[in-house]
Amino acid sequence: MSEFPRITVVTPSFNQAEFLERTILSVLNQGYPNLEYFIVDGGSTDGSIEIIRKYADQLDWWVSEPDNGQSHAINKGLKRATGEWVAWQNSDDVYLPGTFAQLANAANRWAQAKLIVGDMLLIDAQDRPIRDLRYVRPTYASVLAEGMVLANQSAFWRKSLHERIGWLDETLHYSFDYEWFLRVLKDMNCAQHVPLLWGALRYHEATKTSRHRSMFNKEHQAVLEGRALPQWQKVLYQIRRLLLTLRYGHFNYVLRGINYRSKLNR
């Protein structure tokens, strides 16, 4: 199975019955031969438990009990993981077909990589594509400069990282992913990027970002405190991302971005 490194995926969930089954199937339908899949439910009361039980025989572990929030739920799963590569996928988001096999290829190609990220699609509540988000190889400085220019929906990292730098910060409830990836990238310079769509982030009215924008912004600024970069460096990293995106051949993507910005500035 060395060709297919063990992958552990954790899905934290709380009252997401509307979308949960689509998330589960996006994992199980990968057909990946060396998968470990956990669902950590926070004590849902909306029918989520019935959905989880429907697939219980294909899960390696699941639990439904009160927790201290999303980051705590993810940590509960990650601490049980036996996979060489780990990730979490939210219970309203999905993986795109072929993602795990493509990750395995990338992991075998870049033996020294500790973090591998793909590109992401934005979808609506009915799974209809809104637009794509194309990334480049992330660095600590680039993520400081531009924010979340990577996403958990399309990111995987080696479980061994947790032994060195710990777990997700459970005091954070909105920007714990940003803080985590900054910590990972500061610790090492072995991130890689695959220019393929791996995950999809769902936009709908019930997301935490939509409902609690002020709290999200407050935590984001707290994570950045004392390490924000000057504007000229931010511009340099924007140029870097533009050039690398063009290098991948995403010319239409760049043009769409330029048109979008021009409309905002009118």
C-alpha atoms as a PDB file:
ATOM      1  CA  MET A   1       0.000   0.000   0.000  1.00  0.00           C
ATOM      2  CA  SER A   2       3.021   2.321  -0.123  1.00  0.00           C
ATOM      3  CA  GLU A   3       1.645   3.680  -3.388  1.00  0.00           C
ATOM      4  CA  PHE A   4      -1.491   4.699  -1.481  1.00  0.00           C
ATOM      5  CA  PRO A   5      -0.443   6.342   1.813  1.00  0.00           C
ATOM      6  CA  ARG A   6      -3.063   6.131   4.554  1.00  0.00           C
ATOM      7  CA  ILE A   7      -5.290   9.217   4.613  1.00  0.00           C
ATOM      8  CA  THR A   8      -7.384  10.177   7.633  1.00  0.00           C
ATOM      9  CA  VAL A   9     -10.274  12.607   7.120  1.00  0.00           C
ATOM     10  CA  VAL A  10     -12.188  14.130  10.021  1.00  0.00           C
ATOM     11  CA  THR A  11     -15.630  15.682   9.551  1.00  0.00           C
ATOM     12  CA  PRO A  12     -16.795  17.898  12.439  1.00  0.00           C
ATOM     13  CA  SER A  13     -20.539  18.418  12.393  1.00  0.00           C
ATOM     14  CA  PHE A  14     -23.375  20.031  14.296  1.00  0.00           C
ATOM     15  CA  ASN A  15     -26.933  20.259  12.966  1.00  0.00           C
ATOM     16  CA  GLN A  16     -25.933  20.074   9.297  1.00  0.00           C
ATOM     17  CA  ALA A  17     -28.391  17.395   8.182  1.00  0.00           C
ATOM     18  CA  GLU A  18     -29.186  19.349   5.016  1.00  0.00           C
ATOM     19  CA  PHE A  19     -25.646  18.913   3.685  1.00  0.00           C
ATOM     20  CA  LEU A  20     -24.005  16.174   5.767  1.00  0.00           C
ATOM     21  CA  GLU A  21     -24.805  13.231   3.495  1.00  0.00           C
ATOM     22  CA  ARG A  22     -23.234  14.989   0.515  1.00  0.00           C
ATOM     23  CA  THR A  23     -20.070  15.517   2.532  1.00  0.00           C
ATOM     24  CA  ILE A  24     -19.959  11.871   3.619  1.00  0.00           C
ATOM     25  CA  LEU A  25     -20.444  10.589   0.082  1.00  0.00           C
ATOM     26  CA  SER A  26     -17.765  12.913  -1.271  1.00  0.00           C
ATOM     27  CA  VAL A  27     -15.329  11.093   1.024  1.00  0.00           C
ATOM     28  CA  LEU A  28     -16.560   7.511   0.668  1.00  0.00           C
ATOM     29  CA  ASN A  29     -17.089   7.704  -3.101  1.00  0.00           C
ATOM     30  CA  GLN A  30     -13.419   8.523  -3.638  1.00  0.00           C
ATOM     31  CA  GLY A  31     -12.894   4.753  -3.707  1.00  0.00           C
ATOM     32  CA  TYR A  32      -9.510   5.270  -2.065  1.00  0.00           C
ATOM     33  CA  PRO A  33      -8.073   1.946  -0.832  1.00  0.00           C
ATOM     34  CA  ASN A  34      -6.324   3.226   2.304  1.00  0.00           C
ATOM     35  CA  LEU A  35      -8.816   5.610   3.904  1.00  0.00           C
ATOM     36  CA  GLU A  36      -9.664   6.243   7.551  1.00  0.00           C
ATOM     37  CA  TYR A  37     -12.789   8.344   8.055  1.00  0.00           C
ATOM     38  CA  PHE A  38     -14.116   9.861  11.301  1.00  0.00           C
ATOM     39  CA  ILE A  39     -17.232  11.933  11.961  1.00  0.00           C
ATOM     40  CA  VAL A  40     -17.283  13.988  15.158  1.00  0.00           C
ATOM     41  CA  ASP A  41     -20.791  15.265  15.824  1.00  0.00           C
ATOM     42  CA  GLY A  42     -21.478  17.817  18.541  1.00  0.00           C
ATOM     43  CA  GLY A  43     -24.802  16.340  19.674  1.00  0.00           C
ATOM     44  CA  SER A  44     -27.019  17.255  16.715  1.00  0.00           C
ATOM     45  CA  THR A  45     -30.806  17.227  17.052  1.00  0.00           C
ATOM     46  CA  ASP A  46     -31.793  17.759  13.398  1.00  0.00           C
ATOM     47  CA  GLY A  47     -31.612  14.234  11.993  1.00  0.00           C
ATOM     48  CA  SER A  48     -27.832  14.199  11.477  1.00  0.00           C
ATOM     49  CA  ILE A  49     -27.430  11.117  13.689  1.00  0.00           C
ATOM     50  CA  GLU A  50     -29.721   9.087  11.463  1.00  0.00           C
ATOM     51  CA  ILE A  51     -27.632  10.073   8.440  1.00  0.00           C
ATOM     52  CA  ILE A  52     -24.398   9.095  10.190  1.00  0.00           C
ATOM     53  CA  ARG A  53     -25.837   5.734  11.255  1.00  0.00           C
ATOM     54  CA  LYS A  54     -26.784   5.064   7.633  1.00  0.00           C
ATOM     55  CA  TYR A  55     -23.072   4.998   6.778  1.00  0.00           C
ATOM     56  CA  ALA A  56     -21.729   3.734  10.122  1.00  0.00           C
ATOM     57  CA  ASP A  57     -20.433   0.465   8.649  1.00  0.00           C
ATOM     58  CA  GLN A  58     -18.194   2.475   6.296  1.00  0.00           C
ATOM     59  CA  LEU A  59     -16.835   4.756   9.019  1.00  0.00           C
ATOM     60  CA  ASP A  60     -13.812   3.936  11.146  1.00  0.00           C
ATOM     61  CA  TRP A  61     -15.175   5.870  14.111  1.00  0.00           C
ATOM     62  CA  TRP A  62     -17.912   8.329  14.911  1.00  0.00           C
ATOM     63  CA  VAL A  63     -19.312   9.976  18.003  1.00  0.00           C
ATOM     64  CA  SER A  64     -22.145  12.344  18.862  1.00  0.00           C
ATOM     65  CA  GLU A  65     -21.673  14.276  22.086  1.00  0.00           C
ATOM     66  CA  PRO A  66     -21.430  17.901  23.240  1.00  0.00           C
ATOM     67  CA  ASP A  67     -18.088  19.529  22.518  1.00  0.00           C
ATOM     68  CA  ASN A  68     -16.413  22.916  22.863  1.00  0.00           C
ATOM     69  CA  GLY A  69     -16.741  23.943  19.241  1.00  0.00           C
ATOM     70  CA  GLN A  70     -15.446  23.059  15.801  1.00  0.00           C
ATOM     71  CA  SER A  71     -11.728  23.194  16.584  1.00  0.00           C
ATOM     72  CA  HIS A  72     -12.243  20.917  19.600  1.00  0.00           C
ATOM     73  CA  ALA A  73     -14.236  18.451  17.476  1.00  0.00           C
ATOM     74  CA  ILE A  74     -11.521  18.359  14.806  1.00  0.00           C
ATOM     75  CA  ASN A  75      -8.818  17.775  17.398  1.00  0.00           C
ATOM     76  CA  LYS A  76     -10.780  14.846  18.835  1.00  0.00           C
ATOM     77  CA  GLY A  77     -10.617  13.207  15.447  1.00  0.00           C
ATOM     78  CA  LEU A  78      -7.035  14.145  14.599  1.00  0.00           C
ATOM     79  CA  LYS A  79      -5.766  12.725  17.889  1.00  0.00           C
ATOM     80  CA  ARG A  80      -7.211   9.330  16.940  1.00  0.00           C
ATOM     81  CA  ALA A  81      -5.876   9.421  13.385  1.00  0.00           C
ATOM     82  CA  THR A  82      -3.521   6.704  12.173  1.00  0.00           C
ATOM     83  CA  GLY A  83      -3.088   8.127   8.685  1.00  0.00           C
ATOM     84  CA  GLU A  84       0.214   9.383   7.347  1.00  0.00           C
ATOM     85  CA  TRP A  85      -1.762  12.275   5.823  1.00  0.00           C
ATOM     86  CA  VAL A  86      -4.650  13.997   7.598  1.00  0.00           C
ATOM     87  CA  ALA A  87      -7.279  16.631   6.861  1.00  0.00           C
ATOM     88  CA  TRP A  88     -10.685  17.823   7.940  1.00  0.00           C
ATOM     89  CA  GLN A  89     -13.676  18.453   5.726  1.00  0.00           C
ATOM     90  CA  ASN A  90     -16.560  20.487   7.121  1.00  0.00           C
ATOM     91  CA  SER A  91     -20.012  18.920   7.129  1.00  0.00           C
ATOM     92  CA  ASP A  92     -21.371  21.324   4.511  1.00  0.00           C
ATOM     93  CA  ASP A  93     -18.367  21.151   2.147  1.00  0.00           C
ATOM     94  CA  VAL A  94     -17.225  18.366  -0.188  1.00  0.00           C
ATOM     95  CA  TYR A  95     -14.226  16.788  -1.877  1.00  0.00           C
ATOM     96  CA  LEU A  96     -14.226  16.568  -5.653  1.00  0.00           C
ATOM     97  CA  PRO A  97     -13.833  13.169  -7.381  1.00  0.00           C
ATOM     98  CA  GLY A  98     -10.290  11.834  -7.647  1.00  0.00           C
ATOM     99  CA  THR A  99      -8.841  14.085  -4.943  1.00  0.00           C
ATOM    100  CA  PHE A 100      -7.370  11.376  -2.707  1.00  0.00           C
ATOM    101  CA  ALA A 101      -5.685   9.564  -5.612  1.00  0.00           C
ATOM    102  CA  GLN A 102      -4.220  12.870  -6.804  1.00  0.00           C
ATOM    103  CA  LEU A 103      -2.943  13.574  -3.288  1.00  0.00           C
ATOM    104  CA  ALA A 104      -1.291  10.137  -3.204  1.00  0.00           C
ATOM    105  CA  ASN A 105       0.453  10.889  -6.502  1.00  0.00           C
ATOM    106  CA  ALA A 106       1.653  14.230  -5.165  1.00  0.00           C
ATOM    107  CA  ALA A 107       2.847  12.713  -1.885  1.00  0.00           C
ATOM    108  CA  ASN A 108       4.865  10.116  -3.777  1.00  0.00           C
ATOM    109  CA  ARG A 109       6.279  12.771  -6.077  1.00  0.00           C
ATOM    110  CA  TRP A 110       7.299  15.157  -3.284  1.00  0.00           C
ATOM    111  CA  ALA A 111       8.600  12.856  -0.569  1.00  0.00           C
ATOM    112  CA  GLN A 112       9.756  15.796   1.587  1.00  0.00           C
ATOM    113  CA  ALA A 113       6.445  17.661   1.475  1.00  0.00           C
ATOM    114  CA  LYS A 114       4.666  18.188   4.776  1.00  0.00           C
ATOM    115  CA  LEU A 115       1.679  20.166   3.455  1.00  0.00           C
ATOM    116  CA  ILE A 116       0.036  19.734   0.043  1.00  0.00           C
ATOM    117  CA  VAL A 117      -2.782  21.971  -1.149  1.00  0.00           C
ATOM    118  CA  GLY A 118      -5.021  21.942  -4.204  1.00  0.00           C
ATOM    119  CA  ASP A 119      -7.390  24.485  -5.677  1.00  0.00           C
ATOM    120  CA  MET A 120     -10.976  25.042  -4.554  1.00  0.00           C
ATOM    121  CA  LEU A 121     -14.437  25.527  -6.003  1.00  0.00           C
ATOM    122  CA  LEU A 122     -17.190  27.678  -4.513  1.00  0.00           C
ATOM    123  CA  ILE A 123     -20.646  26.074  -4.725  1.00  0.00           C
ATOM    124  CA  ASP A 124     -24.153  27.026  -3.621  1.00  0.00           C
ATOM    125  CA  ALA A 125     -26.645  25.107  -1.478  1.00  0.00           C
ATOM    126  CA  GLN A 126     -27.725  23.042  -4.524  1.00  0.00           C
ATOM    127  CA  ASP A 127     -24.111  22.093  -5.474  1.00  0.00           C
ATOM    128  CA  ARG A 128     -24.063  24.521  -8.392  1.00  0.00           C
ATOM    129  CA  PRO A 129     -20.601  25.997  -9.092  1.00  0.00           C
ATOM    130  CA  ILE A 130     -20.215  29.703  -8.335  1.00  0.00           C
ATOM    131  CA  ARG A 131     -16.549  30.171  -9.220  1.00  0.00           C
ATOM    132  CA  ASP A 132     -13.152  28.588  -8.774  1.00  0.00           C
ATOM    133  CA  LEU A 133     -10.317  29.726  -6.511  1.00  0.00           C
ATOM    134  CA  ARG A 134      -6.844  29.047  -7.854  1.00  0.00           C
ATOM    135  CA  TYR A 135      -3.956  28.969  -5.404  1.00  0.00           C
ATOM    136  CA  VAL A 136      -0.161  28.782  -5.618  1.00  0.00           C
ATOM    137  CA  ARG A 137       2.473  27.234  -3.353  1.00  0.00           C
ATOM    138  CA  PRO A 138       1.879  28.819   0.072  1.00  0.00           C
ATOM    139  CA  THR A 139       4.601  30.241   2.300  1.00  0.00           C
ATOM    140  CA  TYR A 140       4.421  31.725   5.768  1.00  0.00           C
ATOM    141  CA  ALA A 141       4.944  35.248   4.433  1.00  0.00           C
ATOM    142  CA  SER A 142       2.461  34.872   1.571  1.00  0.00           C
ATOM    143  CA  VAL A 143      -0.303  33.756   3.931  1.00  0.00           C
ATOM    144  CA  LEU A 144       0.536  36.601   6.300  1.00  0.00           C
ATOM    145  CA  ALA A 145       0.409  39.031   3.386  1.00  0.00           C
ATOM    146  CA  GLU A 146      -2.772  37.834   1.699  1.00  0.00           C
ATOM    147  CA  GLY A 147      -4.729  35.888   4.274  1.00  0.00           C
ATOM    148  CA  MET A 148      -6.285  32.507   3.476  1.00  0.00           C
ATOM    149  CA  VAL A 149      -4.739  31.851   0.063  1.00  0.00           C
ATOM    150  CA  LEU A 150      -5.246  28.170   0.808  1.00  0.00           C
ATOM    151  CA  ALA A 151      -8.159  26.299   2.371  1.00  0.00           C
ATOM    152  CA  ASN A 152      -8.769  23.237   4.520  1.00  0.00           C
ATOM    153  CA  GLN A 153     -11.294  22.055   1.926  1.00  0.00           C
ATOM    154  CA  SER A 154      -8.384  21.210  -0.373  1.00  0.00           C
ATOM    155  CA  ALA A 155      -5.419  20.781   2.007  1.00  0.00           C
ATOM    156  CA  PHE A 156      -3.698  17.735   3.527  1.00  0.00           C
ATOM    157  CA  TRP A 157      -0.696  17.543   5.850  1.00  0.00           C
ATOM    158  CA  ARG A 158       1.429  14.904   7.522  1.00  0.00           C
ATOM    159  CA  LYS A 159       0.148  13.691  10.877  1.00  0.00           C
ATOM    160  CA  SER A 160       3.710  13.909  12.193  1.00  0.00           C
ATOM    161  CA  LEU A 161       3.418  17.712  12.192  1.00  0.00           C
ATOM    162  CA  HIS A 162       1.132  17.505  15.222  1.00  0.00           C
ATOM    163  CA  GLU A 163       3.826  15.767  17.220  1.00  0.00           C
ATOM    164  CA  ARG A 164       6.022  18.831  16.784  1.00  0.00           C
ATOM    165  CA  ILE A 165       3.683  21.821  16.754  1.00  0.00           C
ATOM    166  CA  GLY A 166       0.583  20.581  18.550  1.00  0.00           C
ATOM    167  CA  TRP A 167      -3.078  20.729  17.580  1.00  0.00           C
ATOM    168  CA  LEU A 168      -5.623  23.308  16.487  1.00  0.00           C
ATOM    169  CA  ASP A 169      -6.072  26.203  18.917  1.00  0.00           C
ATOM    170  CA  GLU A 170      -9.347  25.407  20.711  1.00  0.00           C
ATOM    171  CA  THR A 171      -9.661  28.954  22.052  1.00  0.00           C
ATOM    172  CA  LEU A 172     -10.412  30.043  18.474  1.00  0.00           C
ATOM    173  CA  HIS A 173     -13.776  29.370  16.841  1.00  0.00           C
ATOM    174  CA  TYR A 174     -13.566  31.306  13.550  1.00  0.00           C
ATOM    175  CA  SER A 175      -9.914  31.739  12.536  1.00  0.00           C
ATOM    176  CA  PHE A 176      -8.448  28.519  13.911  1.00  0.00           C
ATOM    177  CA  ASP A 177      -7.725  27.330  10.353  1.00  0.00           C
ATOM    178  CA  TYR A 178      -5.772  30.502   9.549  1.00  0.00           C
ATOM    179  CA  GLU A 179      -3.777  30.223  12.763  1.00  0.00           C
ATOM    180  CA  TRP A 180      -3.082  26.542  12.101  1.00  0.00           C
ATOM    181  CA  PHE A 181      -1.762  27.018   8.581  1.00  0.00           C
ATOM    182  CA  LEU A 182       0.394  29.950   9.694  1.00  0.00           C
ATOM    183  CA  ARG A 183       1.875  27.734  12.398  1.00  0.00           C
ATOM    184  CA  VAL A 184       2.512  24.916   9.930  1.00  0.00           C
ATOM    185  CA  LEU A 185       4.160  27.193   7.360  1.00  0.00           C
ATOM    186  CA  LYS A 186       6.292  28.961   9.942  1.00  0.00           C
ATOM    187  CA  ASP A 187       7.525  25.601  11.207  1.00  0.00           C
ATOM    188  CA  MET A 188       8.683  24.333   7.824  1.00  0.00           C
ATOM    189  CA  ASN A 189       9.190  25.285   4.194  1.00  0.00           C
ATOM    190  CA  CYS A 190       8.019  22.044   2.621  1.00  0.00           C
ATOM    191  CA  ALA A 191       4.602  22.987   1.243  1.00  0.00           C
ATOM    192  CA  GLN A 192       3.560  22.047  -2.280  1.00  0.00           C
ATOM    193  CA  HIS A 193       0.662  22.995  -4.505  1.00  0.00           C
ATOM    194  CA  VAL A 194      -1.216  20.905  -7.067  1.00  0.00           C
ATOM    195  CA  PRO A 195      -3.104  23.036  -9.646  1.00  0.00           C
ATOM    196  CA  LEU A 196      -6.212  20.831  -9.576  1.00  0.00           C
ATOM    197  CA  LEU A 197      -9.613  21.398  -7.987  1.00  0.00           C
ATOM    198  CA  TRP A 198      -9.740  19.222  -4.860  1.00  0.00           C
ATOM    199  CA  GLY A 199     -12.461  20.632  -2.609  1.00  0.00           C
ATOM    200  CA  ALA A 200     -15.594  22.730  -2.684  1.00  0.00           C
ATOM    201  CA  LEU A 201     -16.641  25.356  -0.147  1.00  0.00           C
ATOM    202  CA  ARG A 202     -20.380  25.796   0.112  1.00  0.00           C
ATOM    203  CA  TYR A 203     -21.878  29.278   0.370  1.00  0.00           C
ATOM    204  CA  HIS A 204     -25.173  29.389   2.244  1.00  0.00           C
ATOM    205  CA  GLU A 205     -26.839  31.662   4.790  1.00  0.00           C
ATOM    206  CA  ALA A 206     -26.166  29.439   7.806  1.00  0.00           C
ATOM    207  CA  THR A 207     -22.345  29.396   7.620  1.00  0.00           C
ATOM    208  CA  LYS A 208     -20.466  30.782  10.610  1.00  0.00           C
ATOM    209  CA  THR A 209     -18.725  33.329   8.391  1.00  0.00           C
ATOM    210  CA  SER A 210     -22.065  34.620   7.122  1.00  0.00           C
ATOM    211  CA  ARG A 211     -23.714  34.806  10.554  1.00  0.00           C
ATOM    212  CA  HIS A 212     -20.811  36.071  12.642  1.00  0.00           C
ATOM    213  CA  ARG A 213     -18.706  38.277  10.391  1.00  0.00           C
ATOM    214  CA  SER A 214     -17.695  40.643  13.198  1.00  0.00           C
ATOM    215  CA  MET A 215     -16.448  37.776  15.397  1.00  0.00           C
ATOM    216  CA  PHE A 216     -14.578  36.313  12.444  1.00  0.00           C
ATOM    217  CA  ASN A 217     -12.842  39.636  11.792  1.00  0.00           C
ATOM    218  CA  LYS A 218     -11.988  40.045  15.477  1.00  0.00           C
ATOM    219  CA  GLU A 219     -10.305  36.650  15.686  1.00  0.00           C
ATOM    220  CA  HIS A 220      -8.529  37.177  12.385  1.00  0.00           C
ATOM    221  CA  GLN A 221      -6.986  40.408  13.641  1.00  0.00           C
ATOM    222  CA  ALA A 222      -6.010  38.726  16.909  1.00  0.00           C
ATOM    223  CA  VAL A 223      -4.157  36.013  14.992  1.00  0.00           C
ATOM    224  CA  LEU A 224      -2.310  38.688  12.972  1.00  0.00           C
ATOM    225  CA  GLU A 225      -1.424  40.836  15.979  1.00  0.00           C
ATOM    226  CA  GLY A 226       2.285  41.613  16.088  1.00  0.00           C
ATOM    227  CA  ARG A 227       3.131  40.016  12.753  1.00  0.00           C
ATOM    228  CA  ALA A 228       1.248  41.891  10.039  1.00  0.00           C
ATOM    229  CA  LEU A 229       3.361  42.800   7.000  1.00  0.00           C
ATOM    230  CA  PRO A 230       3.742  46.320   5.503  1.00  0.00           C
ATOM    231  CA  GLN A 231       1.679  47.162   2.434  1.00  0.00           C
ATOM    232  CA  TRP A 232       4.616  47.036   0.006  1.00  0.00           C
ATOM    233  CA  GLN A 233       5.283  43.404   0.944  1.00  0.00           C
ATOM    234  CA  LYS A 234       1.618  42.567   0.469  1.00  0.00           C
ATOM    235  CA  VAL A 235       1.791  43.994  -3.041  1.00  0.00           C
ATOM    236  CA  LEU A 236       4.877  41.905  -3.807  1.00  0.00           C
ATOM    237  CA  TYR A 237       3.097  38.718  -2.775  1.00  0.00           C
ATOM    238  CA  GLN A 238       0.075  39.650  -4.854  1.00  0.00           C
ATOM    239  CA  ILE A 239       2.394  39.993  -7.848  1.00  0.00           C
ATOM    240  CA  ARG A 240       4.007  36.652  -6.982  1.00  0.00           C
ATOM    241  CA  ARG A 241       0.624  34.932  -6.934  1.00  0.00           C
ATOM    242  CA  LEU A 242      -0.366  36.572 -10.223  1.00  0.00           C
ATOM    243  CA  LEU A 243       2.811  35.406 -11.982  1.00  0.00           C
ATOM    244  CA  LEU A 244       2.580  31.854 -10.648  1.00  0.00           C
ATOM    245  CA  THR A 245      -1.090  31.652 -11.620  1.00  0.00           C
ATOM    246  CA  LEU A 246      -0.199  32.717 -15.161  1.00  0.00           C
ATOM    247  CA  ARG A 247       2.583  30.146 -15.167  1.00  0.00           C
ATOM    248  CA  TYR A 248      -0.043  27.452 -14.541  1.00  0.00           C
ATOM    249  CA  GLY A 249      -1.869  28.699 -17.627  1.00  0.00           C
ATOM    250  CA  HIS A 250      -4.940  30.068 -15.804  1.00  0.00           C
ATOM    251  CA  PHE A 251      -5.235  33.085 -18.090  1.00  0.00           C
ATOM    252  CA  ASN A 252      -9.040  33.252 -18.063  1.00  0.00           C
ATOM    253  CA  TYR A 253      -8.987  33.072 -14.262  1.00  0.00           C
ATOM    254  CA  VAL A 254      -6.669  36.084 -14.088  1.00  0.00           C
ATOM    255  CA  LEU A 255      -8.802  38.022 -16.568  1.00  0.00           C
ATOM    256  CA  ARG A 256     -11.933  37.313 -14.532  1.00  0.00           C
ATOM    257  CA  GLY A 257     -10.166  38.603 -11.450  1.00  0.00           C
ATOM    258  CA  ILE A 258      -9.069  41.800 -13.202  1.00  0.00           C
ATOM    259  CA  ASN A 259     -12.602  42.420 -14.468  1.00  0.00           C
ATOM    260  CA  TYR A 260     -14.041  41.797 -11.017  1.00  0.00           C
ATOM    261  CA  ARG A 261     -11.653  44.256  -9.382  1.00  0.00           C
ATOM    262  CA  SER A 262     -12.331  46.898 -12.033  1.00  0.00           C
ATOM    263  CA  LYS A 263     -16.063  46.655 -11.350  1.00  0.00           C
ATOM    264  CA  LEU A 264     -15.480  47.076  -7.616  1.00  0.00           C
ATOM    265  CA  ASN A 265     -13.405  50.183  -8.194  1.00  0.00           C
ATOM    266  CA  ARG A 266     -15.996  51.938 -10.372  1.00  0.00           C
END
